[in-house]
N, C-alpha and C. Protein backbone atom coordinates (compact mmCIF):
# COMPACT_ATOMS: atom_id res chain seq x y z
N MET A 1 68.00 17.75 -55.52
CA MET A 1 68.70 17.33 -54.31
C MET A 1 68.04 17.92 -53.07
N ASN A 2 67.57 19.13 -53.15
CA ASN A 2 66.92 19.80 -52.04
C ASN A 2 65.66 19.03 -51.59
N LYS A 3 64.89 18.54 -52.58
CA LYS A 3 63.68 17.78 -52.28
C LYS A 3 64.03 16.45 -51.58
N VAL A 4 65.08 15.79 -52.04
CA VAL A 4 65.53 14.53 -51.44
C VAL A 4 65.98 14.77 -50.00
N LEU A 5 66.70 15.84 -49.76
CA LEU A 5 67.17 16.18 -48.42
C LEU A 5 65.98 16.45 -47.47
N LYS A 6 64.98 17.17 -47.96
CA LYS A 6 63.78 17.46 -47.16
C LYS A 6 63.05 16.17 -46.81
N GLU A 7 62.90 15.28 -47.79
CA GLU A 7 62.24 13.99 -47.56
C GLU A 7 63.02 13.14 -46.55
N THR A 8 64.33 13.14 -46.66
CA THR A 8 65.17 12.38 -45.74
C THR A 8 65.04 12.92 -44.32
N ILE A 9 65.12 14.22 -44.16
CA ILE A 9 64.97 14.84 -42.84
C ILE A 9 63.57 14.58 -42.29
N SER A 10 62.56 14.70 -43.13
CA SER A 10 61.18 14.44 -42.70
C SER A 10 61.01 12.99 -42.22
N THR A 11 61.58 12.05 -42.95
CA THR A 11 61.50 10.63 -42.57
C THR A 11 62.24 10.38 -41.26
N ILE A 12 63.42 10.96 -41.11
CA ILE A 12 64.19 10.80 -39.88
C ILE A 12 63.42 11.37 -38.68
N LEU A 13 62.84 12.55 -38.84
CA LEU A 13 62.05 13.16 -37.76
C LEU A 13 60.82 12.31 -37.42
N TYR A 14 60.17 11.77 -38.45
CA TYR A 14 59.01 10.91 -38.23
C TYR A 14 59.40 9.67 -37.44
N LEU A 15 60.48 9.01 -37.85
CA LEU A 15 60.93 7.81 -37.15
C LEU A 15 61.37 8.13 -35.72
N ALA A 16 62.04 9.26 -35.53
CA ALA A 16 62.44 9.67 -34.17
C ALA A 16 61.21 9.91 -33.31
N GLY A 17 60.18 10.51 -33.88
CA GLY A 17 58.94 10.73 -33.14
C GLY A 17 58.26 9.42 -32.75
N VAL A 18 58.23 8.47 -33.66
CA VAL A 18 57.64 7.16 -33.38
C VAL A 18 58.42 6.46 -32.27
N LEU A 19 59.74 6.49 -32.36
CA LEU A 19 60.57 5.86 -31.33
C LEU A 19 60.39 6.54 -29.97
N LEU A 20 60.32 7.86 -29.95
CA LEU A 20 60.10 8.60 -28.70
C LEU A 20 58.74 8.26 -28.10
N LEU A 21 57.71 8.23 -28.94
CA LEU A 21 56.37 7.89 -28.46
C LEU A 21 56.35 6.46 -27.92
N THR A 22 56.99 5.53 -28.60
CA THR A 22 57.07 4.14 -28.13
C THR A 22 57.77 4.07 -26.78
N TRP A 23 58.88 4.77 -26.63
CA TRP A 23 59.61 4.79 -25.36
C TRP A 23 58.74 5.35 -24.24
N VAL A 24 58.03 6.44 -24.50
CA VAL A 24 57.15 7.05 -23.48
C VAL A 24 56.06 6.07 -23.06
N ILE A 25 55.45 5.40 -24.02
CA ILE A 25 54.38 4.44 -23.69
C ILE A 25 54.92 3.28 -22.87
N ILE A 26 56.03 2.69 -23.30
CA ILE A 26 56.59 1.54 -22.59
C ILE A 26 57.09 1.93 -21.20
N THR A 27 57.65 3.12 -21.06
CA THR A 27 58.21 3.55 -19.79
C THR A 27 57.14 4.01 -18.80
N PHE A 28 56.14 4.71 -19.26
CA PHE A 28 55.20 5.35 -18.34
C PHE A 28 53.75 4.87 -18.42
N VAL A 29 53.35 4.22 -19.49
CA VAL A 29 51.93 3.89 -19.66
C VAL A 29 51.66 2.40 -19.54
N GLY A 30 52.28 1.60 -20.37
CA GLY A 30 52.01 0.17 -20.33
C GLY A 30 53.01 -0.60 -21.15
N GLN A 31 53.11 -1.89 -20.87
CA GLN A 31 53.98 -2.74 -21.66
C GLN A 31 53.45 -4.16 -21.63
N ARG A 32 53.88 -4.93 -22.62
CA ARG A 32 53.50 -6.33 -22.71
C ARG A 32 54.44 -7.15 -21.83
N THR A 33 53.89 -8.17 -21.19
CA THR A 33 54.72 -9.12 -20.45
C THR A 33 54.11 -10.50 -20.61
N GLU A 34 54.93 -11.50 -20.41
CA GLU A 34 54.47 -12.89 -20.55
C GLU A 34 54.59 -13.61 -19.22
N VAL A 35 53.56 -14.36 -18.87
CA VAL A 35 53.56 -15.14 -17.64
C VAL A 35 54.43 -16.37 -17.85
N SER A 36 55.34 -16.60 -16.90
CA SER A 36 56.19 -17.77 -16.95
C SER A 36 56.00 -18.55 -15.65
N GLY A 37 55.46 -19.74 -15.76
CA GLY A 37 55.20 -20.56 -14.57
C GLY A 37 53.72 -20.64 -14.27
N ASP A 38 53.41 -21.43 -13.23
CA ASP A 38 52.00 -21.69 -12.91
C ASP A 38 51.58 -21.15 -11.55
N SER A 39 52.32 -20.19 -10.99
CA SER A 39 51.99 -19.69 -9.65
C SER A 39 50.70 -18.88 -9.60
N MET A 40 50.17 -18.44 -10.74
CA MET A 40 48.93 -17.67 -10.75
C MET A 40 47.75 -18.46 -11.32
N GLU A 41 47.94 -19.77 -11.54
CA GLU A 41 46.81 -20.58 -12.00
C GLU A 41 45.73 -20.58 -10.93
N ALA A 42 44.54 -20.52 -11.17
CA ALA A 42 43.83 -20.70 -12.41
C ALA A 42 43.53 -19.37 -13.10
N THR A 43 43.93 -18.26 -12.53
CA THR A 43 43.66 -16.95 -13.14
C THR A 43 44.51 -16.72 -14.37
N LEU A 44 45.81 -16.95 -14.26
CA LEU A 44 46.74 -16.77 -15.37
C LEU A 44 47.52 -18.06 -15.57
N ALA A 45 47.79 -18.38 -16.81
CA ALA A 45 48.51 -19.62 -17.13
C ALA A 45 49.87 -19.30 -17.73
N ASP A 46 50.76 -20.27 -17.66
CA ASP A 46 52.07 -20.17 -18.27
C ASP A 46 51.89 -19.83 -19.75
N GLY A 47 52.57 -18.79 -20.21
CA GLY A 47 52.49 -18.40 -21.61
C GLY A 47 51.48 -17.31 -21.90
N ASP A 48 50.61 -16.96 -20.95
CA ASP A 48 49.68 -15.85 -21.16
C ASP A 48 50.46 -14.56 -21.40
N ASN A 49 50.01 -13.77 -22.33
CA ASN A 49 50.60 -12.46 -22.60
C ASN A 49 49.66 -11.40 -22.07
N LEU A 50 50.22 -10.43 -21.34
CA LEU A 50 49.43 -9.40 -20.68
C LEU A 50 49.94 -8.02 -21.01
N ILE A 51 49.07 -7.05 -20.86
CA ILE A 51 49.47 -5.65 -20.87
C ILE A 51 49.50 -5.21 -19.41
N VAL A 52 50.63 -4.65 -18.99
CA VAL A 52 50.79 -4.15 -17.63
C VAL A 52 50.51 -2.65 -17.66
N ASP A 53 49.54 -2.23 -16.87
CA ASP A 53 49.16 -0.82 -16.73
C ASP A 53 50.13 -0.16 -15.76
N LYS A 54 50.96 0.76 -16.28
CA LYS A 54 51.97 1.41 -15.44
C LYS A 54 51.54 2.79 -14.96
N ILE A 55 50.36 3.24 -15.39
CA ILE A 55 49.99 4.62 -15.09
C ILE A 55 49.01 4.74 -13.91
N THR A 56 48.15 3.77 -13.68
CA THR A 56 47.12 3.86 -12.65
C THR A 56 47.69 4.17 -11.28
N TYR A 57 48.77 3.50 -10.90
CA TYR A 57 49.31 3.69 -9.55
C TYR A 57 50.05 5.02 -9.38
N ARG A 58 50.14 5.79 -10.42
CA ARG A 58 50.65 7.16 -10.27
C ARG A 58 49.57 8.06 -9.69
N PHE A 59 48.30 7.63 -9.79
CA PHE A 59 47.17 8.44 -9.35
C PHE A 59 46.38 7.86 -8.19
N LYS A 60 46.54 6.56 -7.95
CA LYS A 60 45.85 5.93 -6.82
C LYS A 60 46.69 4.78 -6.28
N LYS A 61 46.39 4.40 -5.06
CA LYS A 61 47.13 3.32 -4.40
C LYS A 61 46.65 1.96 -4.91
N PRO A 62 47.55 0.97 -4.89
CA PRO A 62 47.13 -0.39 -5.22
C PRO A 62 46.05 -0.86 -4.24
N GLU A 63 45.16 -1.70 -4.72
CA GLU A 63 44.06 -2.20 -3.90
C GLU A 63 44.20 -3.70 -3.67
N ARG A 64 43.52 -4.16 -2.62
CA ARG A 64 43.49 -5.59 -2.33
C ARG A 64 42.93 -6.33 -3.55
N PHE A 65 43.54 -7.43 -3.88
CA PHE A 65 43.19 -8.33 -4.97
C PHE A 65 43.68 -7.87 -6.34
N ASP A 66 44.30 -6.69 -6.45
CA ASP A 66 44.94 -6.31 -7.71
C ASP A 66 46.05 -7.32 -8.00
N ILE A 67 46.25 -7.62 -9.27
CA ILE A 67 47.37 -8.45 -9.69
C ILE A 67 48.47 -7.50 -10.14
N ILE A 68 49.62 -7.59 -9.47
CA ILE A 68 50.69 -6.64 -9.73
C ILE A 68 51.94 -7.32 -10.29
N VAL A 69 52.78 -6.51 -10.91
CA VAL A 69 54.07 -6.97 -11.43
C VAL A 69 55.15 -6.19 -10.69
N PHE A 70 56.17 -6.91 -10.23
CA PHE A 70 57.28 -6.28 -9.51
C PHE A 70 58.55 -7.07 -9.80
N PRO A 71 59.71 -6.42 -9.66
CA PRO A 71 60.97 -7.13 -9.97
C PRO A 71 61.36 -8.08 -8.84
N PHE A 72 61.96 -9.19 -9.22
CA PHE A 72 62.55 -10.10 -8.26
C PHE A 72 63.90 -9.51 -7.87
N LYS A 73 64.09 -9.26 -6.59
CA LYS A 73 65.25 -8.48 -6.15
C LYS A 73 66.60 -9.18 -6.33
N TYR A 74 66.60 -10.48 -6.61
CA TYR A 74 67.87 -11.19 -6.73
C TYR A 74 68.23 -11.58 -8.15
N GLN A 75 67.41 -11.20 -9.12
CA GLN A 75 67.69 -11.53 -10.51
C GLN A 75 67.20 -10.37 -11.39
N GLU A 76 68.12 -9.69 -12.02
CA GLU A 76 67.86 -8.40 -12.66
C GLU A 76 66.72 -8.39 -13.67
N THR A 77 66.61 -9.37 -14.52
CA THR A 77 65.59 -9.33 -15.57
C THR A 77 64.39 -10.22 -15.28
N THR A 78 64.18 -10.57 -14.03
CA THR A 78 63.06 -11.43 -13.65
C THR A 78 62.01 -10.60 -12.90
N TYR A 79 60.77 -10.77 -13.32
CA TYR A 79 59.66 -10.05 -12.70
C TYR A 79 58.63 -11.05 -12.21
N TYR A 80 58.03 -10.75 -11.07
CA TYR A 80 57.00 -11.61 -10.50
C TYR A 80 55.64 -10.97 -10.73
N ILE A 81 54.64 -11.82 -10.82
CA ILE A 81 53.26 -11.37 -10.93
C ILE A 81 52.46 -12.09 -9.86
N LYS A 82 51.85 -11.33 -8.96
CA LYS A 82 51.14 -11.90 -7.81
C LYS A 82 49.92 -11.03 -7.48
N ARG A 83 49.08 -11.55 -6.60
CA ARG A 83 47.86 -10.84 -6.18
C ARG A 83 48.10 -10.20 -4.81
N ILE A 84 47.68 -8.94 -4.67
CA ILE A 84 47.79 -8.25 -3.39
C ILE A 84 46.75 -8.81 -2.43
N ILE A 85 47.21 -9.22 -1.25
CA ILE A 85 46.34 -9.74 -0.20
C ILE A 85 46.32 -8.78 0.98
N GLY A 86 47.49 -8.34 1.43
CA GLY A 86 47.59 -7.44 2.58
C GLY A 86 48.02 -6.05 2.16
N LEU A 87 47.40 -5.03 2.79
CA LEU A 87 47.68 -3.63 2.49
C LEU A 87 48.54 -3.00 3.57
N PRO A 88 49.15 -1.84 3.28
CA PRO A 88 50.01 -1.18 4.25
C PRO A 88 49.34 -1.02 5.62
N GLY A 89 50.12 -1.34 6.67
CA GLY A 89 49.64 -1.19 8.04
C GLY A 89 48.84 -2.37 8.56
N GLU A 90 48.50 -3.32 7.71
CA GLU A 90 47.70 -4.47 8.14
C GLU A 90 48.61 -5.58 8.69
N THR A 91 47.97 -6.51 9.40
CA THR A 91 48.66 -7.70 9.88
C THR A 91 48.06 -8.91 9.16
N VAL A 92 48.93 -9.69 8.55
CA VAL A 92 48.51 -10.88 7.79
C VAL A 92 48.99 -12.11 8.53
N TRP A 93 48.12 -13.11 8.60
CA TRP A 93 48.46 -14.36 9.27
C TRP A 93 47.71 -15.48 8.58
N ILE A 94 48.34 -16.65 8.45
CA ILE A 94 47.69 -17.83 7.88
C ILE A 94 47.71 -18.93 8.94
N ASP A 95 46.53 -19.42 9.29
CA ASP A 95 46.47 -20.45 10.34
C ASP A 95 46.80 -21.83 9.79
N GLU A 96 46.85 -22.81 10.68
CA GLU A 96 47.25 -24.17 10.29
C GLU A 96 46.26 -24.84 9.34
N ASN A 97 45.05 -24.29 9.19
CA ASN A 97 44.06 -24.81 8.25
C ASN A 97 44.11 -24.10 6.90
N GLY A 98 45.06 -23.17 6.75
CA GLY A 98 45.20 -22.45 5.49
C GLY A 98 44.28 -21.24 5.36
N VAL A 99 43.65 -20.84 6.44
CA VAL A 99 42.77 -19.67 6.41
C VAL A 99 43.62 -18.41 6.57
N ILE A 100 43.36 -17.43 5.71
CA ILE A 100 44.11 -16.17 5.73
C ILE A 100 43.35 -15.16 6.59
N TYR A 101 44.09 -14.52 7.49
CA TYR A 101 43.50 -13.49 8.35
C TYR A 101 44.16 -12.14 8.06
N ILE A 102 43.34 -11.12 8.00
CA ILE A 102 43.81 -9.74 7.90
C ILE A 102 43.30 -9.03 9.14
N ASN A 103 44.23 -8.53 9.96
CA ASN A 103 43.87 -7.86 11.22
C ASN A 103 42.90 -8.71 12.04
N ASP A 104 43.20 -10.00 12.16
CA ASP A 104 42.44 -10.97 12.95
C ASP A 104 41.04 -11.27 12.41
N GLU A 105 40.75 -10.87 11.18
CA GLU A 105 39.47 -11.20 10.54
C GLU A 105 39.75 -12.07 9.32
N VAL A 106 38.90 -13.08 9.11
CA VAL A 106 39.07 -13.98 7.97
C VAL A 106 38.94 -13.19 6.67
N LEU A 107 39.88 -13.40 5.76
CA LEU A 107 39.83 -12.76 4.45
C LEU A 107 38.83 -13.52 3.59
N LYS A 108 37.83 -12.81 3.10
CA LYS A 108 36.83 -13.42 2.22
C LYS A 108 37.29 -13.22 0.78
N GLU A 109 37.70 -14.32 0.17
CA GLU A 109 38.17 -14.30 -1.22
C GLU A 109 38.07 -15.70 -1.79
N SER A 110 38.08 -15.76 -3.12
CA SER A 110 37.97 -17.07 -3.77
C SER A 110 38.98 -17.22 -4.91
N TYR A 111 40.13 -16.57 -4.77
CA TYR A 111 41.13 -16.63 -5.82
C TYR A 111 42.05 -17.83 -5.70
N GLY A 112 42.26 -18.32 -4.50
CA GLY A 112 43.18 -19.44 -4.30
C GLY A 112 42.71 -20.67 -5.04
N LYS A 113 43.62 -21.31 -5.76
CA LYS A 113 43.30 -22.53 -6.49
C LYS A 113 42.94 -23.65 -5.53
N GLU A 114 43.57 -23.62 -4.35
CA GLU A 114 43.31 -24.64 -3.34
C GLU A 114 43.65 -24.07 -1.97
N VAL A 115 43.30 -24.78 -0.94
CA VAL A 115 43.59 -24.34 0.43
C VAL A 115 45.10 -24.44 0.68
N ILE A 116 45.64 -23.46 1.38
CA ILE A 116 47.06 -23.45 1.70
C ILE A 116 47.37 -24.58 2.69
N LYS A 117 48.33 -25.42 2.34
CA LYS A 117 48.73 -26.50 3.24
C LYS A 117 49.45 -25.90 4.45
N SER A 118 49.36 -26.57 5.57
CA SER A 118 49.99 -26.05 6.79
C SER A 118 51.50 -25.92 6.63
N THR A 119 52.10 -26.73 5.76
CA THR A 119 53.55 -26.65 5.53
C THR A 119 53.93 -25.52 4.57
N ASN A 120 52.93 -24.87 3.97
CA ASN A 120 53.19 -23.79 3.00
C ASN A 120 52.83 -22.41 3.53
N ARG A 121 52.69 -22.28 4.84
CA ARG A 121 52.33 -20.98 5.41
C ARG A 121 53.52 -20.03 5.46
N GLY A 122 54.72 -20.57 5.43
CA GLY A 122 55.94 -19.76 5.43
C GLY A 122 55.99 -18.81 6.61
N ILE A 123 56.48 -17.59 6.37
CA ILE A 123 56.61 -16.61 7.46
C ILE A 123 55.26 -16.14 7.96
N ALA A 124 54.19 -16.41 7.19
CA ALA A 124 52.84 -16.00 7.62
C ALA A 124 52.25 -16.98 8.62
N ALA A 125 53.01 -18.01 9.03
CA ALA A 125 52.56 -18.89 10.11
C ALA A 125 52.50 -18.08 11.41
N GLU A 126 53.25 -17.00 11.44
CA GLU A 126 53.21 -16.02 12.53
C GLU A 126 52.69 -14.72 11.92
N PRO A 127 52.06 -13.85 12.71
CA PRO A 127 51.55 -12.59 12.15
C PRO A 127 52.67 -11.77 11.47
N VAL A 128 52.36 -11.28 10.27
CA VAL A 128 53.27 -10.42 9.51
C VAL A 128 52.68 -9.02 9.53
N ILE A 129 53.39 -8.09 10.14
CA ILE A 129 52.91 -6.70 10.22
C ILE A 129 53.53 -5.92 9.06
N LEU A 130 52.66 -5.36 8.22
CA LEU A 130 53.13 -4.62 7.05
C LEU A 130 53.43 -3.17 7.41
N GLY A 131 54.52 -2.66 6.84
CA GLY A 131 54.91 -1.27 7.05
C GLY A 131 53.99 -0.32 6.29
N PRO A 132 54.23 0.98 6.41
CA PRO A 132 53.34 1.97 5.79
C PRO A 132 53.36 1.98 4.26
N ASP A 133 54.33 1.31 3.65
CA ASP A 133 54.39 1.25 2.18
C ASP A 133 54.58 -0.18 1.69
N GLU A 134 54.14 -1.17 2.48
CA GLU A 134 54.36 -2.57 2.13
C GLU A 134 53.06 -3.30 1.82
N TYR A 135 53.17 -4.25 0.91
CA TYR A 135 52.04 -5.09 0.50
C TYR A 135 52.43 -6.55 0.66
N PHE A 136 51.47 -7.38 1.03
CA PHE A 136 51.66 -8.83 1.14
C PHE A 136 50.98 -9.44 -0.07
N VAL A 137 51.74 -10.22 -0.86
CA VAL A 137 51.20 -10.79 -2.09
C VAL A 137 51.25 -12.32 -2.06
N LEU A 138 50.30 -12.92 -2.74
CA LEU A 138 50.25 -14.38 -2.89
C LEU A 138 49.98 -14.72 -4.35
N GLY A 139 50.49 -15.86 -4.79
CA GLY A 139 50.09 -16.40 -6.08
C GLY A 139 48.75 -17.10 -5.90
N ASP A 140 47.94 -17.16 -6.93
CA ASP A 140 46.65 -17.83 -6.83
C ASP A 140 46.80 -19.34 -6.68
N ASN A 141 47.89 -19.89 -7.17
CA ASN A 141 48.20 -21.31 -7.00
C ASN A 141 48.99 -21.40 -5.68
N ARG A 142 48.26 -21.28 -4.58
CA ARG A 142 48.83 -21.02 -3.26
C ARG A 142 49.88 -22.04 -2.80
N ASN A 143 49.76 -23.27 -3.21
CA ASN A 143 50.73 -24.29 -2.76
C ASN A 143 51.89 -24.46 -3.73
N ASN A 144 51.92 -23.63 -4.77
CA ASN A 144 53.00 -23.71 -5.74
C ASN A 144 53.39 -22.29 -6.17
N SER A 145 53.70 -21.45 -5.20
CA SER A 145 54.02 -20.05 -5.49
C SER A 145 55.10 -19.54 -4.54
N SER A 146 56.08 -18.86 -5.10
CA SER A 146 57.08 -18.16 -4.30
C SER A 146 56.56 -16.73 -4.17
N ASP A 147 56.15 -16.35 -2.97
CA ASP A 147 55.50 -15.06 -2.77
C ASP A 147 55.88 -14.48 -1.41
N SER A 148 55.07 -13.61 -0.85
CA SER A 148 55.42 -12.93 0.40
C SER A 148 55.61 -13.88 1.57
N ARG A 149 55.18 -15.12 1.45
CA ARG A 149 55.38 -16.08 2.53
C ARG A 149 56.84 -16.50 2.65
N THR A 150 57.63 -16.23 1.61
CA THR A 150 59.03 -16.64 1.61
C THR A 150 59.93 -15.44 1.88
N GLN A 151 61.05 -15.68 2.55
CA GLN A 151 62.02 -14.62 2.83
C GLN A 151 62.60 -14.05 1.54
N ILE A 152 62.73 -14.88 0.52
CA ILE A 152 63.36 -14.43 -0.72
C ILE A 152 62.50 -13.39 -1.46
N VAL A 153 61.20 -13.40 -1.24
CA VAL A 153 60.31 -12.39 -1.84
C VAL A 153 59.90 -11.38 -0.77
N GLY A 154 59.32 -11.86 0.30
CA GLY A 154 58.93 -10.98 1.40
C GLY A 154 57.85 -9.98 1.02
N ASN A 155 57.73 -8.93 1.82
CA ASN A 155 56.75 -7.89 1.57
C ASN A 155 57.22 -7.03 0.40
N ILE A 156 56.29 -6.54 -0.37
CA ILE A 156 56.61 -5.74 -1.55
C ILE A 156 56.41 -4.26 -1.22
N HIS A 157 57.45 -3.47 -1.46
CA HIS A 157 57.37 -2.03 -1.22
C HIS A 157 56.65 -1.36 -2.39
N GLU A 158 55.87 -0.36 -2.08
CA GLU A 158 55.09 0.33 -3.11
C GLU A 158 55.96 0.83 -4.26
N ASP A 159 57.13 1.33 -3.96
CA ASP A 159 58.04 1.86 -5.00
C ASP A 159 58.53 0.77 -5.95
N ASP A 160 58.45 -0.50 -5.54
CA ASP A 160 58.91 -1.59 -6.39
C ASP A 160 57.83 -2.10 -7.35
N ILE A 161 56.61 -1.66 -7.17
CA ILE A 161 55.52 -2.12 -8.04
C ILE A 161 55.63 -1.43 -9.39
N ILE A 162 55.77 -2.23 -10.44
CA ILE A 162 55.87 -1.68 -11.80
C ILE A 162 54.49 -1.29 -12.32
N GLY A 163 53.50 -2.09 -12.03
CA GLY A 163 52.15 -1.81 -12.49
C GLY A 163 51.23 -2.97 -12.19
N ARG A 164 50.03 -2.87 -12.68
CA ARG A 164 49.04 -3.93 -12.46
C ARG A 164 48.74 -4.63 -13.78
N ALA A 165 48.55 -5.94 -13.68
CA ALA A 165 48.15 -6.70 -14.86
C ALA A 165 46.76 -6.21 -15.24
N TRP A 166 46.62 -5.78 -16.46
CA TRP A 166 45.38 -5.14 -16.86
C TRP A 166 44.60 -5.91 -17.90
N LEU A 167 45.28 -6.37 -18.94
CA LEU A 167 44.59 -6.96 -20.08
C LEU A 167 45.35 -8.19 -20.57
N ARG A 168 44.62 -9.30 -20.69
CA ARG A 168 45.23 -10.51 -21.28
C ARG A 168 45.05 -10.39 -22.79
N ILE A 169 46.16 -10.44 -23.54
CA ILE A 169 46.07 -10.30 -24.99
C ILE A 169 46.33 -11.59 -25.73
N TRP A 170 46.79 -12.61 -25.02
CA TRP A 170 47.02 -13.91 -25.64
C TRP A 170 46.95 -14.96 -24.57
N PRO A 171 46.35 -16.05 -24.68
CA PRO A 171 45.68 -16.54 -25.87
C PRO A 171 44.34 -15.82 -26.09
N PHE A 172 43.94 -15.75 -27.35
CA PHE A 172 42.74 -15.00 -27.71
C PHE A 172 41.46 -15.56 -27.10
N ASN A 173 41.42 -16.87 -26.82
CA ASN A 173 40.20 -17.45 -26.27
C ASN A 173 39.94 -17.00 -24.84
N GLN A 174 40.93 -16.35 -24.20
CA GLN A 174 40.74 -15.84 -22.84
C GLN A 174 40.95 -14.34 -22.79
N PHE A 175 40.82 -13.67 -23.93
CA PHE A 175 41.06 -12.23 -24.04
C PHE A 175 40.13 -11.47 -23.09
N GLY A 176 40.68 -10.52 -22.40
CA GLY A 176 39.82 -9.69 -21.57
C GLY A 176 40.55 -8.97 -20.47
N VAL A 177 39.88 -7.98 -19.92
CA VAL A 177 40.41 -7.18 -18.83
C VAL A 177 40.42 -8.03 -17.55
N LEU A 178 41.51 -7.97 -16.80
CA LEU A 178 41.63 -8.72 -15.55
C LEU A 178 41.11 -7.84 -14.42
N LYS A 179 40.08 -8.28 -13.75
CA LYS A 179 39.57 -7.50 -12.62
C LYS A 179 39.25 -8.42 -11.47
N HIS A 180 39.18 -7.84 -10.28
CA HIS A 180 38.90 -8.67 -9.12
C HIS A 180 37.40 -8.74 -8.88
N GLN A 181 37.02 -9.78 -8.14
CA GLN A 181 35.60 -10.05 -7.90
C GLN A 181 35.00 -9.06 -6.95
């Protein structure tokens, strides 16, 4: 009986350790998430499975063009995935031709699936001044994305960023680390 009790306690401790390690990894290091919708096409597609890196931003600030995950403030279990365009303290503006300006200089990037239509400039039709901890984000599918151009999403506070999309794990034919150009 003593041997059975030792084995039972050992198994329980082992399982508790595995569960604790899993919780630590999911809470502080990384977690899997699935893309729902086409707002990040052509970079990410509906159904793509990603690993979200939750640890990098504990040591460094988010950078322009990082793809980040953050909660949608009006729906508890909904998370958005978008690309950082504007950094804290910058002014973002989109002109009637769909050109994005950062501090009155044209943003040189090639992530947008298409040119932003003049009717899709949203609040960025006027200059948007970012606070000291705010980021301006856009979906890569610029004419089909709910992002910082809308009041419902707005600017993203640094504390609300869960992490950055790091690795696509499904589908396997597009497996790889997500990085900016």
